[in-house]
C-alpha cells in the first residue's frame, strides 16, 4: 500500500479522461483533430464509425494532422477485435513502445451497437442480441474504460448525443441531453471521466465545449473551473497545482 500526500501529487502531470459528445456531424472527429493539433505528443485514434479520416482530410478546420495515427476497429467482428486491440495497447506499453500522449475512441455509441450486432450474429436469435448480450456489452465498455485509464495516457471517448427524461431528487422531471450510451452504464462511464463535455458550434463557426451542466445538458469538469472553452483550448487546463 502506497500512501501519498495530495500536496505532493504533480496534478499538472496527471493524465485526463474525457467524454465528448454531440449530435452526428457537429464535430466529434473535428474535436479529436483540434485537440491532437494542440497537443505536444502524438494521438492514436481507435476508429469505430469510419468518419475521422474523411473529416480531417478536408483540412477545413484542422490544418495539421501529422501527429495523428488511426487504427480501424473491425465493425463486424467487433467484440474480438476490440479486445485484441486493447491487449495490443498493453503489450506496446509493456515493451515501452506505446509512443502516444493520447488515445481517442471515435465513437463509443457506434462501438456499443457494433458489439451488440456482433454478439447477436453469434447467437441463435437470427442476429437479434439476447438479454445476456446487452450485459456482456455493458460490462465490456465499463471495463474497457478502466483498462484504458490504467495505461497512464490521456483518454478521449466521443459519443453521439441523445435525450433522456431525468427525475430530480425533489421529484421534478425534465428532459436533458446526455451521451448516447446504454442507460444502465451511462452514469458509470461518466463517473469514471474527469470531464464530460458537450460539443457545439457557435454562430461564428467556432467549435466550443460546454463543461458545466445545465438543467437540460449533462456536463462536468473536475479538472478546473472553466464552464466553456474552445475545442483547441481544451487541454489548456487552468490548474494551480
C-alpha atoms as a PDB file:
ATOM      1  CA  UNK A   1       0.000   0.000   0.000  1.00  0.00           C
ATOM      2  CA  UNK A   2       1.395   3.348  -1.070  1.00  0.00           C
ATOM      3  CA  UNK A   3       0.198   6.429   0.788  1.00  0.00           C
ATOM      4  CA  UNK A   4       0.728   9.795  -0.870  1.00  0.00           C
ATOM      5  CA  UNK A   5       0.052  13.327   0.264  1.00  0.00           C
ATOM      6  CA  UNK A   6      -2.253  15.295  -2.001  1.00  0.00           C
ATOM      7  CA  UNK A   7       0.153  18.245  -1.968  1.00  0.00           C
ATOM      8  CA  UNK A   8       2.941  16.011  -3.306  1.00  0.00           C
ATOM      9  CA  UNK A   9       0.985  14.828  -6.361  1.00  0.00           C
ATOM     10  CA  UNK A  10       2.028  16.661  -9.578  1.00  0.00           C
ATOM     11  CA  UNK A  11      -1.527  17.473 -10.668  1.00  0.00           C
ATOM     12  CA  UNK A  12      -0.473  19.020 -13.969  1.00  0.00           C
ATOM     13  CA  UNK A  13       1.247  15.778 -14.952  1.00  0.00           C
ATOM     14  CA  UNK A  14      -1.756  13.533 -14.318  1.00  0.00           C
ATOM     15  CA  UNK A  15      -3.433  12.180 -17.473  1.00  0.00           C
ATOM     16  CA  UNK A  16      -7.055  13.133 -18.048  1.00  0.00           C
ATOM     17  CA  UNK A  17     -10.055  11.103 -19.149  1.00  0.00           C
ATOM     18  CA  UNK A  18     -12.702  12.912 -21.178  1.00  0.00           C
ATOM     19  CA  UNK A  19     -16.011  12.020 -22.804  1.00  0.00           C
ATOM     20  CA  UNK A  20     -17.049  14.500 -25.509  1.00  0.00           C
ATOM     21  CA  UNK A  21     -20.436  14.194 -27.192  1.00  0.00           C
ATOM     22  CA  UNK A  22     -22.717  15.904 -29.694  1.00  0.00           C
ATOM     23  CA  UNK A  23     -25.203  15.151 -32.446  1.00  0.00           C
ATOM     24  CA  UNK A  24     -23.819  13.409 -35.558  1.00  0.00           C
ATOM     25  CA  UNK A  25     -21.994  15.816 -37.834  1.00  0.00           C
ATOM     26  CA  UNK A  26     -21.497  18.561 -35.265  1.00  0.00           C
ATOM     27  CA  UNK A  27     -17.818  17.916 -34.581  1.00  0.00           C
ATOM     28  CA  UNK A  28     -16.665  14.820 -32.665  1.00  0.00           C
ATOM     29  CA  UNK A  29     -13.967  13.904 -35.169  1.00  0.00           C
ATOM     30  CA  UNK A  30     -13.028  17.555 -35.629  1.00  0.00           C
ATOM     31  CA  UNK A  31     -12.651  17.898 -31.856  1.00  0.00           C
ATOM     32  CA  UNK A  32     -10.210  14.998 -31.755  1.00  0.00           C
ATOM     33  CA  UNK A  33      -8.242  16.608 -34.569  1.00  0.00           C
ATOM     34  CA  UNK A  34      -8.122  20.027 -32.920  1.00  0.00           C
ATOM     35  CA  UNK A  35      -7.042  18.569 -29.588  1.00  0.00           C
ATOM     36  CA  UNK A  36      -4.368  16.470 -31.310  1.00  0.00           C
ATOM     37  CA  UNK A  37      -3.167  19.522 -33.237  1.00  0.00           C
ATOM     38  CA  UNK A  38      -2.751  21.455 -29.974  1.00  0.00           C
ATOM     39  CA  UNK A  39      -1.048  18.570 -28.127  1.00  0.00           C
ATOM     40  CA  UNK A  40       2.686  18.153 -27.752  1.00  0.00           C
ATOM     41  CA  UNK A  41       2.545  14.364 -28.133  1.00  0.00           C
ATOM     42  CA  UNK A  42       1.046  12.082 -30.759  1.00  0.00           C
ATOM     43  CA  UNK A  43      -2.571  10.891 -30.714  1.00  0.00           C
ATOM     44  CA  UNK A  44      -3.788   7.394 -31.591  1.00  0.00           C
ATOM     45  CA  UNK A  45      -7.402   7.180 -32.753  1.00  0.00           C
ATOM     46  CA  UNK A  46      -9.324   3.912 -32.451  1.00  0.00           C
ATOM     47  CA  UNK A  47     -11.771   4.467 -35.280  1.00  0.00           C
ATOM     48  CA  UNK A  48     -15.170   2.797 -34.976  1.00  0.00           C
ATOM     49  CA  UNK A  49     -17.524   4.823 -37.159  1.00  0.00           C
ATOM     50  CA  UNK A  50     -15.163   5.410 -40.107  1.00  0.00           C
ATOM     51  CA  UNK A  51     -15.581   9.194 -40.190  1.00  0.00           C
ATOM     52  CA  UNK A  52     -12.393  10.710 -38.827  1.00  0.00           C
ATOM     53  CA  UNK A  53     -10.119  10.137 -41.815  1.00  0.00           C
ATOM     54  CA  UNK A  54     -12.546  11.673 -44.310  1.00  0.00           C
ATOM     55  CA  UNK A  55     -13.397  14.545 -41.948  1.00  0.00           C
ATOM     56  CA  UNK A  56      -9.815  15.527 -41.224  1.00  0.00           C
ATOM     57  CA  UNK A  57      -8.659  15.021 -44.812  1.00  0.00           C
ATOM     58  CA  UNK A  58     -10.699  18.078 -45.824  1.00  0.00           C
ATOM     59  CA  UNK A  59      -8.378  20.349 -43.777  1.00  0.00           C
ATOM     60  CA  UNK A  60     -11.292  22.736 -43.281  1.00  0.00           C
ATOM     61  CA  UNK A  61     -10.828  23.197 -39.537  1.00  0.00           C
ATOM     62  CA  UNK A  62      -7.886  21.009 -38.550  1.00  0.00           C
ATOM     63  CA  UNK A  63      -4.885  22.088 -40.618  1.00  0.00           C
ATOM     64  CA  UNK A  64      -2.169  19.801 -39.212  1.00  0.00           C
ATOM     65  CA  UNK A  65      -2.898  16.075 -38.887  1.00  0.00           C
ATOM     66  CA  UNK A  66       0.720  14.930 -38.788  1.00  0.00           C
ATOM     67  CA  UNK A  67       0.529  13.860 -35.140  1.00  0.00           C
ATOM     68  CA  UNK A  68      -2.497  11.578 -35.602  1.00  0.00           C
ATOM     69  CA  UNK A  69      -2.395   7.828 -36.260  1.00  0.00           C
ATOM     70  CA  UNK A  70      -5.520   5.736 -36.827  1.00  0.00           C
ATOM     71  CA  UNK A  71      -6.415   2.108 -36.137  1.00  0.00           C
ATOM     72  CA  UNK A  72      -9.709   0.943 -37.629  1.00  0.00           C
ATOM     73  CA  UNK A  73     -11.670  -1.389 -35.364  1.00  0.00           C
ATOM     74  CA  UNK A  74     -13.413  -4.240 -37.184  1.00  0.00           C
ATOM     75  CA  UNK A  75     -17.071  -3.213 -37.119  1.00  0.00           C
ATOM     76  CA  UNK A  76     -18.284  -6.742 -37.929  1.00  0.00           C
ATOM     77  CA  UNK A  77     -16.198  -8.977 -35.639  1.00  0.00           C
ATOM     78  CA  UNK A  78     -16.080  -6.178 -33.125  1.00  0.00           C
ATOM     79  CA  UNK A  79     -16.103  -7.937 -29.753  1.00  0.00           C
ATOM     80  CA  UNK A  80     -12.956  -9.941 -30.517  1.00  0.00           C
ATOM     81  CA  UNK A  81     -11.138  -7.197 -32.418  1.00  0.00           C
ATOM     82  CA  UNK A  82     -11.796  -4.603 -29.722  1.00  0.00           C
ATOM     83  CA  UNK A  83     -10.451  -6.966 -27.051  1.00  0.00           C
ATOM     84  CA  UNK A  84      -7.373  -7.781 -29.124  1.00  0.00           C
ATOM     85  CA  UNK A  85      -6.737  -4.091 -29.766  1.00  0.00           C
ATOM     86  CA  UNK A  86      -6.770  -3.284 -26.057  1.00  0.00           C
ATOM     87  CA  UNK A  87      -4.402  -6.172 -25.350  1.00  0.00           C
ATOM     88  CA  UNK A  88      -2.175  -4.895 -28.151  1.00  0.00           C
ATOM     89  CA  UNK A  89      -2.015  -1.484 -26.498  1.00  0.00           C
ATOM     90  CA  UNK A  90      -0.974  -3.087 -23.221  1.00  0.00           C
ATOM     91  CA  UNK A  91       1.729  -5.120 -24.970  1.00  0.00           C
ATOM     92  CA  UNK A  92       3.100  -1.953 -26.572  1.00  0.00           C
ATOM     93  CA  UNK A  93       3.106  -0.191 -23.205  1.00  0.00           C
ATOM     94  CA  UNK A  94       4.863  -3.122 -21.506  1.00  0.00           C
ATOM     95  CA  UNK A  95       7.517  -3.027 -24.242  1.00  0.00           C
ATOM     96  CA  UNK A  96       7.910   0.745 -23.934  1.00  0.00           C
ATOM     97  CA  UNK A  97       6.638   1.258 -27.477  1.00  0.00           C
ATOM     98  CA  UNK A  98       3.297   2.977 -26.837  1.00  0.00           C
ATOM     99  CA  UNK A  99       4.577   6.324 -28.030  1.00  0.00           C
ATOM    100  CA  UNK A 100       1.412   8.370 -27.681  1.00  0.00           C
ATOM    101  CA  UNK A 101       0.207  11.014 -25.268  1.00  0.00           C
ATOM    102  CA  UNK A 102      -3.479  10.494 -26.048  1.00  0.00           C
ATOM    103  CA  UNK A 103      -5.701   7.633 -27.172  1.00  0.00           C
ATOM    104  CA  UNK A 104      -9.072   8.618 -28.618  1.00  0.00           C
ATOM    105  CA  UNK A 105     -12.036   6.336 -29.334  1.00  0.00           C
ATOM    106  CA  UNK A 106     -14.369   7.614 -32.061  1.00  0.00           C
ATOM    107  CA  UNK A 107     -17.080   6.797 -31.171  1.00  0.00           C
ATOM    108  CA  UNK A 108     -18.386   4.826 -28.223  1.00  0.00           C
ATOM    109  CA  UNK A 109     -22.049   4.966 -29.300  1.00  0.00           C
ATOM    110  CA  UNK A 110     -21.218   3.099 -32.508  1.00  0.00           C
ATOM    111  CA  UNK A 111     -18.893   0.702 -30.645  1.00  0.00           C
ATOM    112  CA  UNK A 112     -21.795  -0.230 -28.406  1.00  0.00           C
ATOM    113  CA  UNK A 113     -24.026  -1.034 -31.398  1.00  0.00           C
ATOM    114  CA  UNK A 114     -21.264  -2.925 -33.228  1.00  0.00           C
ATOM    115  CA  UNK A 115     -20.596  -5.135 -30.210  1.00  0.00           C
ATOM    116  CA  UNK A 116     -24.293  -5.893 -29.846  1.00  0.00           C
ATOM    117  CA  UNK A 117     -24.625  -6.705 -33.539  1.00  0.00           C
ATOM    118  CA  UNK A 118     -21.594  -8.981 -33.376  1.00  0.00           C
ATOM    119  CA  UNK A 119     -22.855 -10.823 -30.307  1.00  0.00           C
ATOM    120  CA  UNK A 120     -26.312 -11.125 -31.850  1.00  0.00           C
ATOM    121  CA  UNK A 121     -24.853 -12.628 -35.019  1.00  0.00           C
ATOM    122  CA  UNK A 122     -23.064 -15.228 -32.919  1.00  0.00           C
ATOM    123  CA  UNK A 123     -26.290 -16.212 -31.130  1.00  0.00           C
ATOM    124  CA  UNK A 124     -29.305 -18.253 -32.132  1.00  0.00           C
ATOM    125  CA  UNK A 125     -31.898 -15.490 -32.430  1.00  0.00           C
ATOM    126  CA  UNK A 126     -31.461 -14.583 -36.120  1.00  0.00           C
ATOM    127  CA  UNK A 127     -28.992 -11.806 -35.366  1.00  0.00           C
ATOM    128  CA  UNK A 128     -31.021 -10.194 -32.591  1.00  0.00           C
ATOM    129  CA  UNK A 129     -28.944  -9.703 -29.406  1.00  0.00           C
ATOM    130  CA  UNK A 130     -30.080 -11.690 -26.373  1.00  0.00           C
ATOM    131  CA  UNK A 131     -30.524 -10.081 -22.962  1.00  0.00           C
ATOM    132  CA  UNK A 132     -27.189 -11.533 -21.870  1.00  0.00           C
ATOM    133  CA  UNK A 133     -25.505  -9.844 -24.853  1.00  0.00           C
ATOM    134  CA  UNK A 134     -26.519  -6.437 -23.503  1.00  0.00           C
ATOM    135  CA  UNK A 135     -24.888  -7.320 -20.191  1.00  0.00           C
ATOM    136  CA  UNK A 136     -21.722  -8.511 -21.937  1.00  0.00           C
ATOM    137  CA  UNK A 137     -21.573  -5.237 -23.853  1.00  0.00           C
ATOM    138  CA  UNK A 138     -22.180  -3.096 -20.787  1.00  0.00           C
ATOM    139  CA  UNK A 139     -19.501  -4.787 -18.698  1.00  0.00           C
ATOM    140  CA  UNK A 140     -17.120  -4.707 -21.673  1.00  0.00           C
ATOM    141  CA  UNK A 141     -17.417  -0.958 -22.136  1.00  0.00           C
ATOM    142  CA  UNK A 142     -17.028  -0.039 -18.477  1.00  0.00           C
ATOM    143  CA  UNK A 143     -14.093  -2.408 -18.049  1.00  0.00           C
ATOM    144  CA  UNK A 144     -12.561  -1.060 -21.266  1.00  0.00           C
ATOM    145  CA  UNK A 145     -12.547   2.462 -19.864  1.00  0.00           C
ATOM    146  CA  UNK A 146     -10.997   1.275 -16.623  1.00  0.00           C
ATOM    147  CA  UNK A 147      -8.378  -0.613 -18.609  1.00  0.00           C
ATOM    148  CA  UNK A 148      -7.546   2.350 -20.819  1.00  0.00           C
ATOM    149  CA  UNK A 149      -7.189   4.618 -17.779  1.00  0.00           C
ATOM    150  CA  UNK A 150      -4.589   2.174 -16.433  1.00  0.00           C
ATOM    151  CA  UNK A 151      -2.359   2.838 -19.452  1.00  0.00           C
ATOM    152  CA  UNK A 152      -1.379   6.186 -17.930  1.00  0.00           C
ATOM    153  CA  UNK A 153      -2.269   8.227 -21.028  1.00  0.00           C
ATOM    154  CA  UNK A 154      -4.856  10.876 -21.802  1.00  0.00           C
ATOM    155  CA  UNK A 155      -8.079   9.168 -22.873  1.00  0.00           C
ATOM    156  CA  UNK A 156     -10.784  10.766 -25.037  1.00  0.00           C
ATOM    157  CA  UNK A 157     -14.009   8.956 -25.827  1.00  0.00           C
ATOM    158  CA  UNK A 158     -16.529  10.519 -28.161  1.00  0.00           C
ATOM    159  CA  UNK A 159     -20.233   9.719 -28.366  1.00  0.00           C
ATOM    160  CA  UNK A 160     -23.363  10.825 -30.122  1.00  0.00           C
ATOM    161  CA  UNK A 161     -25.991  12.556 -28.021  1.00  0.00           C
ATOM    162  CA  UNK A 162     -29.466  11.505 -27.019  1.00  0.00           C
ATOM    163  CA  UNK A 163     -32.215  12.842 -24.770  1.00  0.00           C
ATOM    164  CA  UNK A 164     -33.481  11.209 -21.603  1.00  0.00           C
ATOM    165  CA  UNK A 165     -36.168  12.029 -19.068  1.00  0.00           C
ATOM    166  CA  UNK A 166     -34.476  12.893 -15.779  1.00  0.00           C
ATOM    167  CA  UNK A 167     -36.159  12.934 -12.387  1.00  0.00           C
ATOM    168  CA  UNK A 168     -34.511  15.225  -9.836  1.00  0.00           C
ATOM    169  CA  UNK A 169     -34.328  14.368  -6.114  1.00  0.00           C
ATOM    170  CA  UNK A 170     -37.213  16.753  -5.423  1.00  0.00           C
ATOM    171  CA  UNK A 171     -39.415  14.771  -7.782  1.00  0.00           C
ATOM    172  CA  UNK A 172     -39.444  17.269 -10.629  1.00  0.00           C
ATOM    173  CA  UNK A 173     -38.777  15.920 -14.084  1.00  0.00           C
ATOM    174  CA  UNK A 174     -37.282  17.351 -17.243  1.00  0.00           C
ATOM    175  CA  UNK A 175     -35.533  16.300 -20.432  1.00  0.00           C
ATOM    176  CA  UNK A 176     -31.775  16.594 -20.814  1.00  0.00           C
ATOM    177  CA  UNK A 177     -29.131  15.837 -23.430  1.00  0.00           C
ATOM    178  CA  UNK A 178     -26.670  13.112 -22.459  1.00  0.00           C
ATOM    179  CA  UNK A 179     -24.062  10.932 -24.195  1.00  0.00           C
ATOM    180  CA  UNK A 180     -25.700   8.155 -26.204  1.00  0.00           C
ATOM    181  CA  UNK A 181     -24.622   5.188 -24.099  1.00  0.00           C
ATOM    182  CA  UNK A 182     -26.651   2.341 -22.624  1.00  0.00           C
ATOM    183  CA  UNK A 183     -28.807   3.785 -19.823  1.00  0.00           C
ATOM    184  CA  UNK A 184     -27.554   1.175 -17.353  1.00  0.00           C
ATOM    185  CA  UNK A 185     -23.927   2.288 -17.660  1.00  0.00           C
ATOM    186  CA  UNK A 186     -24.028   5.930 -18.719  1.00  0.00           C
ATOM    187  CA  UNK A 187     -23.630   7.164 -15.133  1.00  0.00           C
ATOM    188  CA  UNK A 188     -20.800   4.676 -14.542  1.00  0.00           C
ATOM    189  CA  UNK A 189     -18.955   5.767 -17.694  1.00  0.00           C
ATOM    190  CA  UNK A 190     -19.443   9.463 -16.976  1.00  0.00           C
ATOM    191  CA  UNK A 191     -18.384   8.943 -13.372  1.00  0.00           C
ATOM    192  CA  UNK A 192     -15.059   7.471 -14.493  1.00  0.00           C
ATOM    193  CA  UNK A 193     -14.310  10.548 -16.601  1.00  0.00           C
ATOM    194  CA  UNK A 194     -12.709  13.741 -15.344  1.00  0.00           C
ATOM    195  CA  UNK A 195     -14.553  15.752 -17.978  1.00  0.00           C
ATOM    196  CA  UNK A 196     -17.843  15.239 -19.797  1.00  0.00           C
ATOM    197  CA  UNK A 197     -18.350  17.946 -22.377  1.00  0.00           C
ATOM    198  CA  UNK A 198     -20.967  18.729 -24.998  1.00  0.00           C
ATOM    199  CA  UNK A 199     -19.518  19.933 -28.301  1.00  0.00           C
ATOM    200  CA  UNK A 200     -21.274  22.706 -30.172  1.00  0.00           C
ATOM    201  CA  UNK A 201     -20.621  25.233 -32.928  1.00  0.00           C
ATOM    202  CA  UNK A 202     -21.425  28.901 -32.290  1.00  0.00           C
ATOM    203  CA  UNK A 203     -22.794  31.403 -34.806  1.00  0.00           C
ATOM    204  CA  UNK A 204     -19.255  32.283 -35.895  1.00  0.00           C
ATOM    205  CA  UNK A 205     -18.490  28.666 -36.765  1.00  0.00           C
ATOM    206  CA  UNK A 206     -16.208  28.157 -33.758  1.00  0.00           C
ATOM    207  CA  UNK A 207     -16.197  24.733 -32.104  1.00  0.00           C
ATOM    208  CA  UNK A 208     -16.841  25.013 -28.363  1.00  0.00           C
ATOM    209  CA  UNK A 209     -17.164  22.542 -25.484  1.00  0.00           C
ATOM    210  CA  UNK A 210     -19.704  23.127 -22.718  1.00  0.00           C
ATOM    211  CA  UNK A 211     -18.096  21.956 -19.469  1.00  0.00           C
ATOM    212  CA  UNK A 212     -20.727  22.918 -16.902  1.00  0.00           C
ATOM    213  CA  UNK A 213     -24.031  21.124 -16.512  1.00  0.00           C
ATOM    214  CA  UNK A 214     -27.332  22.877 -17.017  1.00  0.00           C
ATOM    215  CA  UNK A 215     -30.782  21.553 -16.273  1.00  0.00           C
ATOM    216  CA  UNK A 216     -31.048  20.309 -19.843  1.00  0.00           C
ATOM    217  CA  UNK A 217     -27.455  19.304 -20.648  1.00  0.00           C
ATOM    218  CA  UNK A 218     -25.210  16.769 -18.898  1.00  0.00           C
ATOM    219  CA  UNK A 219     -21.648  18.014 -18.427  1.00  0.00           C
ATOM    220  CA  UNK A 220     -18.980  18.139 -15.743  1.00  0.00           C
ATOM    221  CA  UNK A 221     -15.447  19.432 -15.242  1.00  0.00           C
ATOM    222  CA  UNK A 222     -13.416  18.029 -12.353  1.00  0.00           C
ATOM    223  CA  UNK A 223     -10.105  19.473 -13.551  1.00  0.00           C
ATOM    224  CA  UNK A 224     -10.526  23.237 -13.489  1.00  0.00           C
ATOM    225  CA  UNK A 225     -13.185  25.937 -13.147  1.00  0.00           C
ATOM    226  CA  UNK A 226     -13.901  26.624 -16.815  1.00  0.00           C
ATOM    227  CA  UNK A 227     -17.544  26.454 -17.831  1.00  0.00           C
ATOM    228  CA  UNK A 228     -16.931  26.510 -21.584  1.00  0.00           C
ATOM    229  CA  UNK A 229     -13.877  26.540 -23.823  1.00  0.00           C
ATOM    230  CA  UNK A 230     -12.814  26.412 -27.437  1.00  0.00           C
ATOM    231  CA  UNK A 231     -12.050  22.862 -28.560  1.00  0.00           C
ATOM    232  CA  UNK A 232      -8.485  23.812 -29.473  1.00  0.00           C
ATOM    233  CA  UNK A 233      -8.074  25.230 -25.918  1.00  0.00           C
ATOM    234  CA  UNK A 234      -9.481  22.165 -24.188  1.00  0.00           C
ATOM    235  CA  UNK A 235      -6.136  20.864 -22.916  1.00  0.00           C
ATOM    236  CA  UNK A 236      -5.082  24.256 -21.531  1.00  0.00           C
ATOM    237  CA  UNK A 237      -6.296  23.356 -18.061  1.00  0.00           C
ATOM    238  CA  UNK A 238      -6.210  26.170 -15.542  1.00  0.00           C
ATOM    239  CA  UNK A 239      -4.736  24.370 -12.545  1.00  0.00           C
ATOM    240  CA  UNK A 240      -2.843  25.756  -9.576  1.00  0.00           C
ATOM    241  CA  UNK A 241      -1.044  22.505  -8.716  1.00  0.00           C
END
